[in-house]
Amino acid sequence: MKTVDERTGEKVEKTVFSINTSEDFARLRQLWSKLPMIPKVTRVEDAPSVFRLPGSTIKVLMSGEESGGSVSVFYQEVEPGSGAPPHHQPNEEEHFFILEGEMEMTVGNQTITAKPGTFVFAPRNATHAFKNRGTSVCKFLTWNSPAGHERMFEAGQRMGEQGVKDLELRRRTLTAHDTIFHDR
């Protein structure tokens, strides 16, 4: 068996797993928890997975397969006027760190204009939202614990590519991925 150090930068295969319910998502996380963690050094431009959602580009820096399910890490670029409406995750924490630009961020009952150097933490079940109200792209890091948020981004991109307009289907799909969007 390889030592931890010998696994540095080792390529991992994506776990093929269909997610239709929150129970499926929990089972995927359980599978990941049995995987070895892979020491990793990467650059944003070398991110192996990139998701494009309306107004956003998300690059996966660390996946559930690489972290043994403990964390997913992302570099995001959000265009002016874009963002995420109020939502929460019942089974994961979400962290944000602004690198460039400005983002209106709400967590719980507090709304701020987050500028470079701002850190925001949304614990499990905390309502949070963000919107780029500036005139330039906002660049930031997010990380979610436990891992799995990348599968929600993937499902969102797939629905966009398939032209899914059914809001209830979109809501059910995202809910199955542990992200609950709130009615406005």
Protein backbone atom coordinates (compact mmCIF):
# COMPACT_ATOMS: atom_id res chain seq x y z
CA MET A 1 0.00 0.00 0.00
CA LYS A 2 1.27 3.50 -0.85
CA THR A 3 2.08 5.96 1.88
CA VAL A 4 0.21 9.26 1.98
CA ASP A 5 3.25 11.05 0.55
CA GLU A 6 3.48 8.58 -2.35
CA ARG A 7 -0.11 9.44 -3.35
CA THR A 8 0.63 13.17 -3.89
CA GLY A 9 -1.00 14.35 -7.09
CA GLU A 10 -2.37 10.89 -7.88
CA LYS A 11 -5.20 10.98 -10.40
CA VAL A 12 -8.53 9.69 -9.13
CA GLU A 13 -11.49 8.37 -11.04
CA LYS A 14 -14.83 10.07 -10.64
CA THR A 15 -17.21 7.93 -8.63
CA VAL A 16 -20.02 7.02 -11.01
CA PHE A 17 -23.17 7.44 -8.96
CA SER A 18 -26.71 8.49 -9.85
CA ILE A 19 -28.27 11.01 -7.47
CA ASN A 20 -32.06 11.18 -7.47
CA THR A 21 -32.76 11.67 -3.77
CA SER A 22 -31.05 13.12 -0.73
CA GLU A 23 -30.56 9.52 0.46
CA ASP A 24 -28.57 8.80 -2.73
CA PHE A 25 -26.42 11.84 -1.99
CA ALA A 26 -25.80 10.63 1.57
CA ARG A 27 -24.74 7.21 0.20
CA LEU A 28 -22.27 8.87 -2.19
CA ARG A 29 -20.76 10.79 0.71
CA GLN A 30 -20.50 7.53 2.65
CA LEU A 31 -18.64 5.90 -0.28
CA TRP A 32 -16.24 8.85 -0.47
CA SER A 33 -15.49 8.59 3.25
CA LYS A 34 -13.86 5.21 2.56
CA LEU A 35 -11.49 6.65 -0.08
CA PRO A 36 -7.93 7.71 0.75
CA MET A 37 -7.17 11.43 0.82
CA ILE A 38 -4.84 12.55 -1.96
CA PRO A 39 -2.24 15.24 -1.18
CA LYS A 40 -2.58 17.83 -3.91
CA VAL A 41 -1.03 21.01 -5.29
CA THR A 42 -2.89 22.68 -8.14
CA ARG A 43 -3.38 25.95 -9.96
CA VAL A 44 -6.72 27.46 -10.92
CA GLU A 45 -5.90 27.24 -14.63
CA ASP A 46 -5.20 23.51 -14.24
CA ALA A 47 -8.53 22.66 -12.57
CA PRO A 48 -9.67 19.30 -13.97
CA SER A 49 -13.41 20.12 -13.82
CA VAL A 50 -15.08 23.35 -14.87
CA PHE A 51 -18.80 24.03 -14.60
CA ARG A 52 -20.60 26.87 -16.32
CA LEU A 53 -23.88 28.08 -14.93
CA PRO A 54 -25.69 31.27 -16.01
CA GLY A 55 -23.33 34.12 -15.10
CA SER A 56 -20.85 31.88 -13.27
CA THR A 57 -17.79 29.76 -13.95
CA ILE A 58 -16.82 27.26 -11.25
CA LYS A 59 -13.49 25.42 -11.24
CA VAL A 60 -13.11 22.40 -8.97
CA LEU A 61 -9.81 22.57 -7.09
CA MET A 62 -10.54 19.63 -4.75
CA SER A 63 -13.24 16.99 -5.24
CA GLY A 64 -14.90 14.55 -2.90
CA GLU A 65 -12.95 11.70 -4.47
CA GLU A 66 -9.65 13.47 -3.69
CA SER A 67 -10.50 14.51 -0.13
CA GLY A 68 -12.02 11.26 1.08
CA GLY A 69 -15.32 13.12 1.13
CA SER A 70 -14.20 15.68 3.69
CA VAL A 71 -14.26 18.85 1.55
CA SER A 72 -14.82 20.26 -1.94
CA VAL A 73 -12.96 23.44 -2.91
CA PHE A 74 -13.86 25.77 -5.77
CA TYR A 75 -12.61 28.88 -7.53
CA GLN A 76 -15.56 30.87 -8.83
CA GLU A 77 -16.01 33.83 -11.14
CA VAL A 78 -19.42 35.52 -11.04
CA GLU A 79 -20.46 38.10 -13.62
CA PRO A 80 -22.15 41.39 -12.63
CA GLY A 81 -25.84 40.82 -11.88
CA SER A 82 -25.40 37.10 -11.23
CA GLY A 83 -25.25 35.07 -8.03
CA ALA A 84 -27.21 32.56 -5.98
CA PRO A 85 -30.64 33.25 -4.45
CA PRO A 86 -31.39 32.47 -0.79
CA HIS A 87 -30.71 28.82 0.00
CA HIS A 88 -29.24 26.54 2.64
CA GLN A 89 -27.60 23.14 2.93
CA PRO A 90 -28.93 20.92 5.72
CA ASN A 91 -25.85 18.68 5.80
CA GLU A 92 -22.86 20.81 4.88
CA GLU A 93 -21.07 24.02 5.77
CA GLU A 94 -20.14 26.57 3.10
CA HIS A 95 -17.23 29.01 3.32
CA PHE A 96 -16.45 31.96 1.03
CA PHE A 97 -13.30 34.07 0.61
CA ILE A 98 -13.36 37.05 -1.76
CA LEU A 99 -10.25 37.44 -3.92
CA GLU A 100 -11.22 40.18 -6.37
CA GLY A 101 -14.25 42.39 -6.98
CA GLU A 102 -17.23 42.85 -4.70
CA MET A 103 -20.17 40.63 -3.81
CA GLU A 104 -23.31 41.40 -1.84
CA MET A 105 -23.46 38.49 0.58
CA THR A 106 -26.17 37.53 3.02
CA VAL A 107 -25.74 34.94 5.74
CA GLY A 108 -28.45 34.55 8.35
CA ASN A 109 -29.87 38.03 8.96
CA GLN A 110 -26.72 39.97 7.97
CA THR A 111 -26.04 41.42 4.51
CA ILE A 112 -22.69 42.97 3.63
CA THR A 113 -20.73 44.11 0.61
CA ALA A 114 -17.88 41.63 0.65
CA LYS A 115 -14.61 42.97 -0.74
CA PRO A 116 -11.22 41.27 -1.25
CA GLY A 117 -10.08 39.69 2.00
CA THR A 118 -13.62 39.10 3.31
CA PHE A 119 -14.44 35.65 4.72
CA VAL A 120 -18.03 34.44 5.13
CA PHE A 121 -19.16 31.23 6.85
CA ALA A 122 -22.60 29.64 6.42
CA PRO A 123 -23.06 26.71 8.83
CA ARG A 124 -25.55 23.94 8.18
CA ASN A 125 -29.11 25.23 7.78
CA ALA A 126 -28.04 28.91 7.66
CA THR A 127 -29.78 30.79 4.88
CA HIS A 128 -27.27 32.47 2.60
CA ALA A 129 -27.22 34.21 -0.77
CA PHE A 130 -24.87 36.24 -2.91
CA LYS A 131 -25.15 38.60 -5.85
CA ASN A 132 -22.54 40.53 -7.79
CA ARG A 133 -23.91 44.07 -7.71
CA GLY A 134 -20.63 45.50 -9.00
CA THR A 135 -19.49 46.29 -12.52
CA SER A 136 -16.74 43.68 -12.80
CA VAL A 137 -16.38 39.93 -12.33
CA CYS A 138 -16.09 38.84 -8.69
CA LYS A 139 -13.53 36.10 -8.06
CA PHE A 140 -13.67 34.05 -4.89
CA LEU A 141 -12.96 30.71 -3.27
CA THR A 142 -15.64 28.52 -1.75
CA TRP A 143 -15.30 25.29 0.13
CA ASN A 144 -17.97 22.96 1.35
CA SER A 145 -17.72 20.33 4.04
CA PRO A 146 -18.45 17.53 3.66
CA ALA A 147 -17.76 17.26 -0.07
CA GLY A 148 -20.41 16.95 -2.73
CA HIS A 149 -21.26 20.49 -3.83
CA GLU A 150 -19.52 19.77 -7.15
CA ARG A 151 -22.26 17.27 -7.96
CA MET A 152 -24.88 20.01 -7.48
CA PHE A 153 -22.96 22.28 -9.89
CA GLU A 154 -22.76 19.39 -12.36
CA ALA A 155 -26.51 18.74 -12.12
CA GLY A 156 -27.25 22.45 -12.59
CA GLN A 157 -25.05 22.63 -15.69
CA ARG A 158 -26.63 19.46 -17.12
CA MET A 159 -30.16 20.85 -16.63
CA GLY A 160 -29.11 24.06 -18.39
CA GLU A 161 -27.61 22.14 -21.31
CA GLN A 162 -30.78 20.06 -21.59
CA GLY A 163 -32.96 23.17 -21.52
CA VAL A 164 -34.88 22.04 -18.42
CA LYS A 165 -37.44 24.78 -17.68
CA ASP A 166 -39.62 22.85 -15.21
CA LEU A 167 -38.94 24.74 -11.97
CA GLU A 168 -40.26 21.93 -9.78
CA LEU A 169 -37.91 19.41 -11.45
CA ARG A 170 -35.00 21.83 -11.00
CA ARG A 171 -35.91 22.31 -7.33
CA ARG A 172 -36.20 18.53 -6.70
CA THR A 173 -32.88 17.89 -8.43
CA LEU A 174 -31.04 20.53 -6.40
CA THR A 175 -32.74 19.39 -3.18
CA ALA A 176 -31.49 15.85 -3.88
CA HIS A 177 -28.00 17.42 -3.93
CA ASP A 178 -28.44 18.88 -0.42
CA THR A 179 -29.18 22.45 -1.55
CA ILE A 180 -32.58 23.88 -0.62
CA PHE A 181 -33.56 27.07 -2.43
CA HIS A 182 -36.05 29.32 -0.66
CA ASP A 183 -39.09 30.98 -2.17
CA ARG A 184 -38.47 34.67 -2.59
